[in-house]
């Protein structure tokens, strides 16, 4: 079984008096602005369009997930950079305290030995 589809550039069959669709669905006095399409082809095309719609929805949801993950990763990187900076400051302060303790101990030992 076939159906008739008018091309985009055609005039509507309702407005064209030369073309008439009979009760059997056959276009009489057909002009080159229409084509015959089988129902099976229409079903396949419709199924593909529905599939494409769902694929677009899936891609949109995946895109939002990727965007959210990117924000989380940037926030993680920012916080780890701050923690690394704080850790290096703590290590520097620890080294100063240890160095000062060693120097104080040496001064104390030298002071006891000199006495």
PDB file of N, CA and C in Angstrom:
ATOM      1  N   UNK A   1       0.843  -1.169   0.000  1.00  0.00           N
ATOM      2  CA  UNK A   1       0.000   0.000   0.000  1.00  0.00           C
ATOM      3  C   UNK A   1       0.892   1.237   0.000  1.00  0.00           C
ATOM      4  N   UNK A   2       0.493   2.252  -0.705  1.00  0.00           N
ATOM      5  CA  UNK A   2       1.303   3.469  -0.796  1.00  0.00           C
ATOM      6  C   UNK A   2       0.458   4.681  -0.439  1.00  0.00           C
ATOM      7  N   UNK A   3       1.130   5.746  -0.152  1.00  0.00           N
ATOM      8  CA  UNK A   3       0.476   7.016   0.125  1.00  0.00           C
ATOM      9  C   UNK A   3       1.140   8.080  -0.725  1.00  0.00           C
ATOM     10  N   UNK A   4       0.534   9.222  -0.778  1.00  0.00           N
ATOM     11  CA  UNK A   4       1.042  10.314  -1.610  1.00  0.00           C
ATOM     12  C   UNK A   4       1.558  11.410  -0.696  1.00  0.00           C
ATOM     13  N   UNK A   5       2.760  11.891  -0.961  1.00  0.00           N
ATOM     14  CA  UNK A   5       3.327  12.997  -0.196  1.00  0.00           C
ATOM     15  C   UNK A   5       3.696  14.098  -1.167  1.00  0.00           C
ATOM     16  N   UNK A   6       3.300  15.293  -0.846  1.00  0.00           N
ATOM     17  CA  UNK A   6       3.641  16.441  -1.692  1.00  0.00           C
ATOM     18  C   UNK A   6       5.011  16.962  -1.294  1.00  0.00           C
ATOM     19  N   UNK A   7       5.770  17.401  -2.249  1.00  0.00           N
ATOM     20  CA  UNK A   7       7.079  17.951  -1.973  1.00  0.00           C
ATOM     21  C   UNK A   7       6.935  19.324  -1.332  1.00  0.00           C
ATOM     22  N   UNK A   8       7.983  19.777  -0.664  1.00  0.00           N
ATOM     23  CA  UNK A   8       7.943  21.068   0.016  1.00  0.00           C
ATOM     24  C   UNK A   8       7.649  22.228  -0.934  1.00  0.00           C
ATOM     25  N   UNK A   9       8.101  22.112  -2.152  1.00  0.00           N
ATOM     26  CA  UNK A   9       7.941  23.223  -3.093  1.00  0.00           C
ATOM     27  C   UNK A   9       6.594  23.179  -3.816  1.00  0.00           C
ATOM     28  N   UNK A  10       5.784  22.198  -3.494  1.00  0.00           N
ATOM     29  CA  UNK A  10       4.526  22.055  -4.228  1.00  0.00           C
ATOM     30  C   UNK A  10       3.418  22.904  -3.630  1.00  0.00           C
ATOM     31  N   UNK A  11       2.358  23.049  -4.401  1.00  0.00           N
ATOM     32  CA  UNK A  11       1.146  23.735  -3.939  1.00  0.00           C
ATOM     33  C   UNK A  11       0.254  22.682  -3.314  1.00  0.00           C
ATOM     34  N   UNK A  12      -0.418  23.031  -2.284  1.00  0.00           N
ATOM     35  CA  UNK A  12      -1.297  22.073  -1.612  1.00  0.00           C
ATOM     36  C   UNK A  12      -2.294  21.499  -2.610  1.00  0.00           C
ATOM     37  N   UNK A  13      -2.559  20.189  -2.495  1.00  0.00           N
ATOM     38  CA  UNK A  13      -3.483  19.544  -3.439  1.00  0.00           C
ATOM     39  C   UNK A  13      -4.891  20.087  -3.288  1.00  0.00           C
ATOM     40  N   UNK A  14      -5.179  20.668  -2.134  1.00  0.00           N
ATOM     41  CA  UNK A  14      -6.511  21.259  -1.950  1.00  0.00           C
ATOM     42  C   UNK A  14      -6.670  22.512  -2.797  1.00  0.00           C
ATOM     43  N   UNK A  15      -5.566  23.195  -3.032  1.00  0.00           N
ATOM     44  CA  UNK A  15      -5.628  24.434  -3.786  1.00  0.00           C
ATOM     45  C   UNK A  15      -5.492  24.201  -5.283  1.00  0.00           C
ATOM     46  N   UNK A  16      -5.073  23.026  -5.673  1.00  0.00           N
ATOM     47  CA  UNK A  16      -4.832  22.737  -7.076  1.00  0.00           C
ATOM     48  C   UNK A  16      -6.048  21.998  -7.639  1.00  0.00           C
ATOM     49  N   UNK A  17      -6.759  22.629  -8.532  1.00  0.00           N
ATOM     50  CA  UNK A  17      -7.968  22.036  -9.095  1.00  0.00           C
ATOM     51  C   UNK A  17      -7.661  20.958 -10.122  1.00  0.00           C
ATOM     52  N   UNK A  18      -6.460  20.933 -10.658  1.00  0.00           N
ATOM     53  CA  UNK A  18      -6.104  19.950 -11.681  1.00  0.00           C
ATOM     54  C   UNK A  18      -5.908  18.561 -11.077  1.00  0.00           C
ATOM     55  N   UNK A  19      -5.513  18.496  -9.832  1.00  0.00           N
ATOM     56  CA  UNK A  19      -5.275  17.213  -9.170  1.00  0.00           C
ATOM     57  C   UNK A  19      -6.480  16.867  -8.314  1.00  0.00           C
ATOM     58  N   UNK A  20      -6.853  15.655  -8.342  1.00  0.00           N
ATOM     59  CA  UNK A  20      -7.961  15.191  -7.517  1.00  0.00           C
ATOM     60  C   UNK A  20      -7.613  13.830  -6.960  1.00  0.00           C
ATOM     61  N   UNK A  21      -7.930  13.605  -5.681  1.00  0.00           N
ATOM     62  CA  UNK A  21      -7.691  12.308  -5.066  1.00  0.00           C
ATOM     63  C   UNK A  21      -9.013  11.563  -5.071  1.00  0.00           C
ATOM     64  N   UNK A  22      -9.002  10.402  -5.704  1.00  0.00           N
ATOM     65  CA  UNK A  22     -10.232   9.633  -5.795  1.00  0.00           C
ATOM     66  C   UNK A  22     -10.519   8.933  -4.472  1.00  0.00           C
ATOM     67  N   UNK A  23     -11.680   8.278  -4.387  1.00  0.00           N
ATOM     68  CA  UNK A  23     -12.052   7.583  -3.160  1.00  0.00           C
ATOM     69  C   UNK A  23     -11.136   6.419  -2.853  1.00  0.00           C
ATOM     70  N   UNK A  24     -10.387   5.946  -3.837  1.00  0.00           N
ATOM     71  CA  UNK A  24      -9.441   4.850  -3.617  1.00  0.00           C
ATOM     72  C   UNK A  24      -8.098   5.368  -3.131  1.00  0.00           C
ATOM     73  N   UNK A  25      -7.910   6.672  -3.085  1.00  0.00           N
ATOM     74  CA  UNK A  25      -6.660   7.262  -2.634  1.00  0.00           C
ATOM     75  C   UNK A  25      -5.652   7.451  -3.729  1.00  0.00           C
ATOM     76  N   UNK A  26      -6.033   7.242  -4.950  1.00  0.00           N
ATOM     77  CA  UNK A  26      -5.115   7.385  -6.074  1.00  0.00           C
ATOM     78  C   UNK A  26      -5.196   8.812  -6.584  1.00  0.00           C
ATOM     79  N   UNK A  27      -4.064   9.413  -6.784  1.00  0.00           N
ATOM     80  CA  UNK A  27      -4.007  10.781  -7.293  1.00  0.00           C
ATOM     81  C   UNK A  27      -4.197  10.748  -8.802  1.00  0.00           C
ATOM     82  N   UNK A  28      -5.177  11.478  -9.263  1.00  0.00           N
ATOM     83  CA  UNK A  28      -5.410  11.569 -10.702  1.00  0.00           C
ATOM     84  C   UNK A  28      -4.819  12.865 -11.195  1.00  0.00           C
ATOM     85  N   UNK A  29      -4.410  12.880 -12.435  1.00  0.00           N
ATOM     86  CA  UNK A  29      -3.766  14.052 -13.029  1.00  0.00           C
ATOM     87  C   UNK A  29      -2.555  14.476 -12.191  1.00  0.00           C
ATOM     88  N   UNK A  30      -1.743  13.519 -11.812  1.00  0.00           N
ATOM     89  CA  UNK A  30      -0.590  13.800 -10.952  1.00  0.00           C
ATOM     90  C   UNK A  30       0.399  14.702 -11.660  1.00  0.00           C
ATOM     91  N   UNK A  31       0.920  15.628 -10.918  1.00  0.00           N
ATOM     92  CA  UNK A  31       1.958  16.530 -11.418  1.00  0.00           C
ATOM     93  C   UNK A  31       3.287  16.100 -10.817  1.00  0.00           C
ATOM     94  N   UNK A  32       4.379  16.580 -11.339  1.00  0.00           N
ATOM     95  CA  UNK A  32       5.683  16.142 -10.833  1.00  0.00           C
ATOM     96  C   UNK A  32       6.011  16.665  -9.426  1.00  0.00           C
ATOM     97  N   UNK A  33       5.068  17.340  -8.769  1.00  0.00           N
ATOM     98  CA  UNK A  33       5.358  17.852  -7.433  1.00  0.00           C
ATOM     99  C   UNK A  33       4.900  16.890  -6.342  1.00  0.00           C
ATOM    100  N   UNK A  34       4.586  15.649  -6.675  1.00  0.00           N
ATOM    101  CA  UNK A  34       4.182  14.670  -5.663  1.00  0.00           C
ATOM    102  C   UNK A  34       4.874  13.344  -5.947  1.00  0.00           C
ATOM    103  N   UNK A  35       5.031  12.538  -4.899  1.00  0.00           N
ATOM    104  CA  UNK A  35       5.676  11.237  -5.028  1.00  0.00           C
ATOM    105  C   UNK A  35       4.848  10.192  -4.299  1.00  0.00           C
ATOM    106  N   UNK A  36       5.012   8.947  -4.660  1.00  0.00           N
ATOM    107  CA  UNK A  36       4.349   7.845  -3.977  1.00  0.00           C
ATOM    108  C   UNK A  36       5.318   7.247  -2.961  1.00  0.00           C
ATOM    109  N   UNK A  37       4.835   7.055  -1.732  1.00  0.00           N
ATOM    110  CA  UNK A  37       5.659   6.502  -0.654  1.00  0.00           C
ATOM    111  C   UNK A  37       4.896   5.338  -0.041  1.00  0.00           C
ATOM    112  N   UNK A  38       5.575   4.226   0.156  1.00  0.00           N
ATOM    113  CA  UNK A  38       4.897   3.077   0.749  1.00  0.00           C
ATOM    114  C   UNK A  38       4.734   3.284   2.256  1.00  0.00           C
ATOM    115  N   UNK A  39       3.701   2.636   2.821  1.00  0.00           N
ATOM    116  CA  UNK A  39       3.459   2.754   4.256  1.00  0.00           C
ATOM    117  C   UNK A  39       4.610   2.153   5.062  1.00  0.00           C
ATOM    118  N   UNK A  40       5.202   1.090   4.542  1.00  0.00           N
ATOM    119  CA  UNK A  40       6.337   0.497   5.236  1.00  0.00           C
ATOM    120  C   UNK A  40       7.485   1.493   5.374  1.00  0.00           C
ATOM    121  N   UNK A  41       7.730   2.241   4.293  1.00  0.00           N
ATOM    122  CA  UNK A  41       8.777   3.254   4.349  1.00  0.00           C
ATOM    123  C   UNK A  41       8.417   4.353   5.344  1.00  0.00           C
ATOM    124  N   UNK A  42       7.149   4.731   5.386  1.00  0.00           N
ATOM    125  CA  UNK A  42       6.718   5.740   6.363  1.00  0.00           C
ATOM    126  C   UNK A  42       6.894   5.233   7.784  1.00  0.00           C
ATOM    127  N   UNK A  43       6.553   3.965   8.023  1.00  0.00           N
ATOM    128  CA  UNK A  43       6.734   3.377   9.357  1.00  0.00           C
ATOM    129  C   UNK A  43       8.207   3.361   9.755  1.00  0.00           C
ATOM    130  N   UNK A  44       9.068   2.967   8.813  1.00  0.00           N
ATOM    131  CA  UNK A  44      10.499   2.939   9.094  1.00  0.00           C
ATOM    132  C   UNK A  44      11.021   4.340   9.394  1.00  0.00           C
ATOM    133  N   UNK A  45      10.589   5.311   8.595  1.00  0.00           N
ATOM    134  CA  UNK A  45      11.035   6.688   8.810  1.00  0.00           C
ATOM    135  C   UNK A  45      10.532   7.212  10.144  1.00  0.00           C
ATOM    136  N   UNK A  46       9.286   6.898  10.480  1.00  0.00           N
ATOM    137  CA  UNK A  46       8.721   7.339  11.750  1.00  0.00           C
ATOM    138  C   UNK A  46       9.480   6.703  12.910  1.00  0.00           C
ATOM    139  N   UNK A  47       9.791   5.419  12.801  1.00  0.00           N
ATOM    140  CA  UNK A  47      10.538   4.734  13.852  1.00  0.00           C
ATOM    141  C   UNK A  47      11.923   5.353  14.021  1.00  0.00           C
ATOM    142  N   UNK A  48      12.568   5.683  12.920  1.00  0.00           N
ATOM    143  CA  UNK A  48      13.888   6.311  12.986  1.00  0.00           C
ATOM    144  C   UNK A  48      13.811   7.686  13.630  1.00  0.00           C
ATOM    145  N   UNK A  49      12.765   8.454  13.333  1.00  0.00           N
ATOM    146  CA  UNK A  49      12.614   9.784  13.928  1.00  0.00           C
ATOM    147  C   UNK A  49      12.366   9.682  15.430  1.00  0.00           C
ATOM    148  N   UNK A  50      11.578   8.705  15.859  1.00  0.00           N
ATOM    149  CA  UNK A  50      11.337   8.507  17.289  1.00  0.00           C
ATOM    150  C   UNK A  50      12.634   8.086  17.969  1.00  0.00           C
ATOM    151  N   UNK A  51      13.371   7.189  17.320  1.00  0.00           N
ATOM    152  CA  UNK A  51      14.660   6.749  17.864  1.00  0.00           C
ATOM    153  C   UNK A  51      15.614   7.933  17.989  1.00  0.00           C
ATOM    154  N   UNK A  52      15.639   8.777  16.978  1.00  0.00           N
ATOM    155  CA  UNK A  52      16.501   9.953  17.005  1.00  0.00           C
ATOM    156  C   UNK A  52      16.104  10.893  18.143  1.00  0.00           C
ATOM    157  N   UNK A  53      14.808  11.033  18.368  1.00  0.00           N
ATOM    158  CA  UNK A  53      14.326  11.887  19.459  1.00  0.00           C
ATOM    159  C   UNK A  53      14.849  11.379  20.791  1.00  0.00           C
ATOM    160  N   UNK A  54      14.738  10.068  21.027  1.00  0.00           N
ATOM    161  CA  UNK A  54      15.218   9.501  22.285  1.00  0.00           C
ATOM    162  C   UNK A  54      16.738   9.596  22.396  1.00  0.00           C
ATOM    163  N   UNK A  55      17.436   9.425  21.290  1.00  0.00           N
ATOM    164  CA  UNK A  55      18.895   9.565  21.316  1.00  0.00           C
ATOM    165  C   UNK A  55      19.284  10.993  21.683  1.00  0.00           C
ATOM    166  N   UNK A  56      18.565  11.979  21.168  1.00  0.00           N
ATOM    167  CA  UNK A  56      18.848  13.375  21.524  1.00  0.00           C
ATOM    168  C   UNK A  56      18.601  13.613  23.002  1.00  0.00           C
ATOM    169  N   UNK A  57      17.521  13.045  23.543  1.00  0.00           N
ATOM    170  CA  UNK A  57      17.240  13.195  24.976  1.00  0.00           C
ATOM    171  C   UNK A  57      18.337  12.554  25.817  1.00  0.00           C
ATOM    172  N   UNK A  58      18.793  11.378  25.402  1.00  0.00           N
ATOM    173  CA  UNK A  58      19.868  10.697  26.124  1.00  0.00           C
ATOM    174  C   UNK A  58      21.145  11.530  26.067  1.00  0.00           C
ATOM    175  N   UNK A  59      21.461  12.069  24.898  1.00  0.00           N
ATOM    176  CA  UNK A  59      22.663  12.892  24.752  1.00  0.00           C
ATOM    177  C   UNK A  59      22.578  14.147  25.609  1.00  0.00           C
ATOM    178  N   UNK A  60      21.386  14.766  25.680  1.00  0.00           N
ATOM    179  CA  UNK A  60      21.224  15.953  26.521  1.00  0.00           C
ATOM    180  C   UNK A  60      21.444  15.627  27.988  1.00  0.00           C
ATOM    181  N   UNK A  61      20.894  14.498  28.444  1.00  0.00           N
ATOM    182  CA  UNK A  61      21.088  14.128  29.843  1.00  0.00           C
ATOM    183  C   UNK A  61      22.551  13.786  30.116  1.00  0.00           C
ATOM    184  N   UNK A  62      23.210  13.106  29.185  1.00  0.00           N
ATOM    185  CA  UNK A  62      24.630  12.809  29.360  1.00  0.00           C
ATOM    186  C   UNK A  62      25.462  14.084  29.363  1.00  0.00           C
ATOM    187  N   UNK A  63      25.080  15.048  28.545  1.00  0.00           N
ATOM    188  CA  UNK A  63      25.800  16.323  28.501  1.00  0.00           C
ATOM    189  C   UNK A  63      25.685  17.054  29.835  1.00  0.00           C
ATOM    190  N   UNK A  64      24.498  17.004  30.453  1.00  0.00           N
ATOM    191  CA  UNK A  64      24.340  17.653  31.757  1.00  0.00           C
ATOM    192  C   UNK A  64      25.146  16.926  32.826  1.00  0.00           C
ATOM    193  N   UNK A  65      25.219  15.593  32.745  1.00  0.00           N
ATOM    194  CA  UNK A  65      26.031  14.826  33.696  1.00  0.00           C
ATOM    195  C   UNK A  65      27.503  15.187  33.540  1.00  0.00           C
ATOM    196  N   UNK A  66      27.959  15.286  32.309  1.00  0.00           N
ATOM    197  CA  UNK A  66      29.360  15.649  32.052  1.00  0.00           C
ATOM    198  C   UNK A  66      29.646  17.049  32.581  1.00  0.00           C
ATOM    199  N   UNK A  67      28.720  17.967  32.384  1.00  0.00           N
ATOM    200  CA  UNK A  67      28.892  19.334  32.872  1.00  0.00           C
ATOM    201  C   UNK A  67      28.984  19.352  34.394  1.00  0.00           C
ATOM    202  N   UNK A  68      28.101  18.600  35.063  1.00  0.00           N
ATOM    203  CA  UNK A  68      28.138  18.542  36.526  1.00  0.00           C
ATOM    204  C   UNK A  68      29.439  17.905  37.014  1.00  0.00           C
ATOM    205  N   UNK A  69      29.877  16.842  36.351  1.00  0.00           N
ATOM    206  CA  UNK A  69      31.135  16.209  36.729  1.00  0.00           C
ATOM    207  C   UNK A  69      32.305  17.168  36.561  1.00  0.00           C
ATOM    208  N   UNK A  70      32.285  17.953  35.491  1.00  0.00           N
ATOM    209  CA  UNK A  70      33.348  18.923  35.251  1.00  0.00           C
ATOM    210  C   UNK A  70      33.395  19.958  36.374  1.00  0.00           C
ATOM    211  N   UNK A  71      32.234  20.420  36.821  1.00  0.00           N
ATOM    212  CA  UNK A  71      32.187  21.377  37.933  1.00  0.00           C
ATOM    213  C   UNK A  71      32.742  20.753  39.205  1.00  0.00           C
ATOM    214  N   UNK A  72      32.370  19.507  39.468  1.00  0.00           N
ATOM    215  CA  UNK A  72      32.862  18.813  40.670  1.00  0.00           C
ATOM    216  C   UNK A  72      34.378  18.645  40.609  1.00  0.00           C
ATOM    217  N   UNK A  73      34.901  18.278  39.454  1.00  0.00           N
ATOM    218  CA  UNK A  73      36.345  18.080  39.301  1.00  0.00           C
ATOM    219  C   UNK A  73      37.088  19.396  39.495  1.00  0.00           C
ATOM    220  N   UNK A  74      36.569  20.491  38.928  1.00  0.00           N
ATOM    221  CA  UNK A  74      37.226  21.796  39.109  1.00  0.00           C
ATOM    222  C   UNK A  74      37.230  22.209  40.579  1.00  0.00           C
ATOM    223  N   UNK A  75      36.105  21.983  41.270  1.00  0.00           N
ATOM    224  CA  UNK A  75      36.032  22.311  42.697  1.00  0.00           C
ATOM    225  C   UNK A  75      37.013  21.442  43.494  1.00  0.00           C
ATOM    226  N   UNK A  76      37.111  20.166  43.153  1.00  0.00           N
ATOM    227  CA  UNK A  76      38.066  19.270  43.816  1.00  0.00           C
ATOM    228  C   UNK A  76      39.493  19.756  43.601  1.00  0.00           C
ATOM    229  N   UNK A  77      39.848  20.096  42.358  1.00  0.00           N
ATOM    230  CA  UNK A  77      41.196  20.582  42.059  1.00  0.00           C
ATOM    231  C   UNK A  77      41.505  21.857  42.835  1.00  0.00           C
ATOM    232  N   UNK A  78      40.530  22.755  42.915  1.00  0.00           N
ATOM    233  CA  UNK A  78      40.721  24.019  43.640  1.00  0.00           C
ATOM    234  C   UNK A  78      40.980  23.744  45.122  1.00  0.00           C
ATOM    235  N   UNK A  79      40.182  22.876  45.715  1.00  0.00           N
ATOM    236  CA  UNK A  79      40.337  22.580  47.146  1.00  0.00           C
ATOM    237  C   UNK A  79      41.638  21.835  47.434  1.00  0.00           C
ATOM    238  N   UNK A  80      42.028  20.908  46.569  1.00  0.00           N
ATOM    239  CA  UNK A  80      43.291  20.206  46.791  1.00  0.00           C
ATOM    240  C   UNK A  80      44.473  21.158  46.645  1.00  0.00           C
ATOM    241  N   UNK A  81      44.396  22.134  45.749  1.00  0.00           N
ATOM    242  CA  UNK A  81      45.471  23.119  45.611  1.00  0.00           C
ATOM    243  C   UNK A  81      45.596  23.940  46.895  1.00  0.00           C
ATOM    244  N   UNK A  82      44.457  24.321  47.472  1.00  0.00           N
ATOM    245  CA  UNK A  82      44.488  25.077  48.739  1.00  0.00           C
ATOM    246  C   UNK A  82      45.094  24.221  49.846  1.00  0.00           C
ATOM    247  N   UNK A  83      44.683  22.947  49.926  1.00  0.00           N
ATOM    248  CA  UNK A  83      45.216  22.064  50.967  1.00  0.00           C
ATOM    249  C   UNK A  83      46.721  21.822  50.789  1.00  0.00           C
ATOM    250  N   UNK A  84      47.195  21.687  49.548  1.00  0.00           N
ATOM    251  CA  UNK A  84      48.624  21.512  49.302  1.00  0.00           C
ATOM    252  C   UNK A  84      49.409  22.742  49.743  1.00  0.00           C
ATOM    253  N   UNK A  85      48.845  23.911  49.483  1.00  0.00           N
ATOM    254  CA  UNK A  85      49.503  25.153  49.896  1.00  0.00           C
ATOM    255  C   UNK A  85      49.566  25.233  51.414  1.00  0.00           C
ATOM    256  N   UNK A  86      48.479  24.889  52.092  1.00  0.00           N
ATOM    257  CA  UNK A  86      48.472  24.905  53.551  1.00  0.00           C
ATOM    258  C   UNK A  86      49.452  23.876  54.105  1.00  0.00           C
ATOM    259  N   UNK A  87      49.510  22.708  53.489  1.00  0.00           N
ATOM    260  CA  UNK A  87      50.433  21.667  53.932  1.00  0.00           C
ATOM    261  C   UNK A  87      51.878  22.116  53.788  1.00  0.00           C
ATOM    262  N   UNK A  88      52.207  22.782  52.691  1.00  0.00           N
ATOM    263  CA  UNK A  88      53.583  23.257  52.508  1.00  0.00           C
ATOM    264  C   UNK A  88      53.919  24.337  53.537  1.00  0.00           C
ATOM    265  N   UNK A  89      52.946  25.173  53.912  1.00  0.00           N
ATOM    266  CA  UNK A  89      53.186  26.188  54.941  1.00  0.00           C
ATOM    267  C   UNK A  89      53.418  25.519  56.295  1.00  0.00           C
ATOM    268  N   UNK A  90      52.644  24.479  56.602  1.00  0.00           N
ATOM    269  CA  UNK A  90      52.815  23.764  57.868  1.00  0.00           C
ATOM    270  C   UNK A  90      54.183  23.085  57.908  1.00  0.00           C
ATOM    271  N   UNK A  91      54.602  22.485  56.782  1.00  0.00           N
ATOM    272  CA  UNK A  91      55.912  21.840  56.726  1.00  0.00           C
ATOM    273  C   UNK A  91      57.027  22.865  56.925  1.00  0.00           C
ATOM    274  N   UNK A  92      56.873  24.021  56.305  1.00  0.00           N
ATOM    275  CA  UNK A  92      57.879  25.077  56.445  1.00  0.00           C
ATOM    276  C   UNK A  92      57.972  25.523  57.902  1.00  0.00           C
ATOM    277  N   UNK A  93      56.819  25.726  58.534  1.00  0.00           N
ATOM    278  CA  UNK A  93      56.804  26.129  59.941  1.00  0.00           C
ATOM    279  C   UNK A  93      57.415  25.033  60.818  1.00  0.00           C
ATOM    280  N   UNK A  94      57.112  23.777  60.523  1.00  0.00           N
ATOM    281  CA  UNK A  94      57.681  22.657  61.286  1.00  0.00           C
ATOM    282  C   UNK A  94      59.194  22.645  61.159  1.00  0.00           C
ATOM    283  N   UNK A  95      59.697  22.861  59.947  1.00  0.00           N
ATOM    284  CA  UNK A  95      61.149  22.873  59.735  1.00  0.00           C
ATOM    285  C   UNK A  95      61.804  24.021  60.500  1.00  0.00           C
ATOM    286  N   UNK A  96      61.157  25.187  60.542  1.00  0.00           N
ATOM    287  CA  UNK A  96      61.690  26.316  61.305  1.00  0.00           C
ATOM    288  C   UNK A  96      61.742  25.984  62.794  1.00  0.00           C
ATOM    289  N   UNK A  97      60.709  25.350  63.305  1.00  0.00           N
ATOM    290  CA  UNK A  97      60.663  24.996  64.727  1.00  0.00           C
ATOM    291  C   UNK A  97      61.744  23.969  65.058  1.00  0.00           C
ATOM    292  N   UNK A  98      61.893  22.954  64.196  1.00  0.00           N
ATOM    293  CA  UNK A  98      62.928  21.942  64.426  1.00  0.00           C
ATOM    294  C   UNK A  98      64.314  22.571  64.349  1.00  0.00           C
ATOM    295  N   UNK A  99      64.511  23.414  63.343  1.00  0.00           N
ATOM    296  CA  UNK A  99      65.810  24.096  63.205  1.00  0.00           C
ATOM    297  C   UNK A  99      66.094  24.979  64.409  1.00  0.00           C
ATOM    298  N   UNK A 100      65.091  25.704  64.874  1.00  0.00           N
ATOM    299  CA  UNK A 100      65.284  26.551  66.065  1.00  0.00           C
ATOM    300  C   UNK A 100      65.574  25.714  67.293  1.00  0.00           C
ATOM    301  N   UNK A 101      64.914  24.568  67.428  1.00  0.00           N
ATOM    302  CA  UNK A 101      65.175  23.675  68.565  1.00  0.00           C
ATOM    303  C   UNK A 101      66.582  23.121  68.539  1.00  0.00           C
ATOM    304  N   UNK A 102      67.049  22.747  67.352  1.00  0.00           N
ATOM    305  CA  UNK A 102      68.415  22.220  67.215  1.00  0.00           C
ATOM    306  C   UNK A 102      69.428  23.303  67.584  1.00  0.00           C
ATOM    307  N   UNK A 103      69.202  24.510  67.079  1.00  0.00           N
ATOM    308  CA  UNK A 103      70.132  25.617  67.386  1.00  0.00           C
ATOM    309  C   UNK A 103      70.102  25.923  68.883  1.00  0.00           C
ATOM    310  N   UNK A 104      68.919  25.944  69.488  1.00  0.00           N
ATOM    311  CA  UNK A 104      68.827  26.214  70.927  1.00  0.00           C
ATOM    312  C   UNK A 104      69.525  25.129  71.726  1.00  0.00           C
ATOM    313  N   UNK A 105      69.390  23.877  71.290  1.00  0.00           N
ATOM    314  CA  UNK A 105      70.054  22.784  71.983  1.00  0.00           C
ATOM    315  C   UNK A 105      71.566  22.915  71.858  1.00  0.00           C
ATOM    316  N   UNK A 106      72.055  23.239  70.673  1.00  0.00           N
ATOM    317  CA  UNK A 106      73.501  23.432  70.485  1.00  0.00           C
ATOM    318  C   UNK A 106      74.020  24.565  71.355  1.00  0.00           C
ATOM    319  N   UNK A 107      73.303  25.653  71.418  1.00  0.00           N
ATOM    320  CA  UNK A 107      73.718  26.786  72.233  1.00  0.00           C
ATOM    321  C   UNK A 107      73.758  26.368  73.696  1.00  0.00           C
ATOM    322  N   UNK A 108      72.751  25.610  74.137  1.00  0.00           N
ATOM    323  CA  UNK A 108      72.702  25.158  75.521  1.00  0.00           C
ATOM    324  C   UNK A 108      73.849  24.210  75.832  1.00  0.00           C
ATOM    325  N   UNK A 109      74.157  23.266  74.915  1.00  0.00           N
ATOM    326  CA  UNK A 109      75.251  22.308  75.116  1.00  0.00           C
ATOM    327  C   UNK A 109      76.571  23.055  75.139  1.00  0.00           C
ATOM    328  N   UNK A 110      76.759  23.983  74.220  1.00  0.00           N
ATOM    329  CA  UNK A 110      78.016  24.752  74.190  1.00  0.00           C
ATOM    330  C   UNK A 110      78.126  25.574  75.482  1.00  0.00           C
ATOM    331  N   UNK A 111      77.021  26.137  75.925  1.00  0.00           N
ATOM    332  CA  UNK A 111      77.033  26.926  77.169  1.00  0.00           C
ATOM    333  C   UNK A 111      77.380  26.070  78.360  1.00  0.00           C
ATOM    334  N   UNK A 112      76.901  24.848  78.421  1.00  0.00           N
ATOM    335  CA  UNK A 112      77.224  23.962  79.531  1.00  0.00           C
ATOM    336  C   UNK A 112      78.684  23.507  79.466  1.00  0.00           C
ATOM    337  N   UNK A 113      79.196  23.279  78.259  1.00  0.00           N
ATOM    338  CA  UNK A 113      80.571  22.846  78.104  1.00  0.00           C
ATOM    339  C   UNK A 113      81.580  23.964  78.452  1.00  0.00           C
ATOM    340  N   UNK A 114      81.227  25.176  78.136  1.00  0.00           N
ATOM    341  CA  UNK A 114      82.103  26.315  78.377  1.00  0.00           C
ATOM    342  C   UNK A 114      82.162  26.607  79.880  1.00  0.00           C
ATOM    343  N   UNK A 115      81.183  26.375  80.554  1.00  0.00           N
ATOM    344  CA  UNK A 115      81.137  26.681  81.982  1.00  0.00           C
ATOM    345  C   UNK A 115      82.049  25.866  82.741  1.00  0.00           C
TER     346      UNK A 115
END
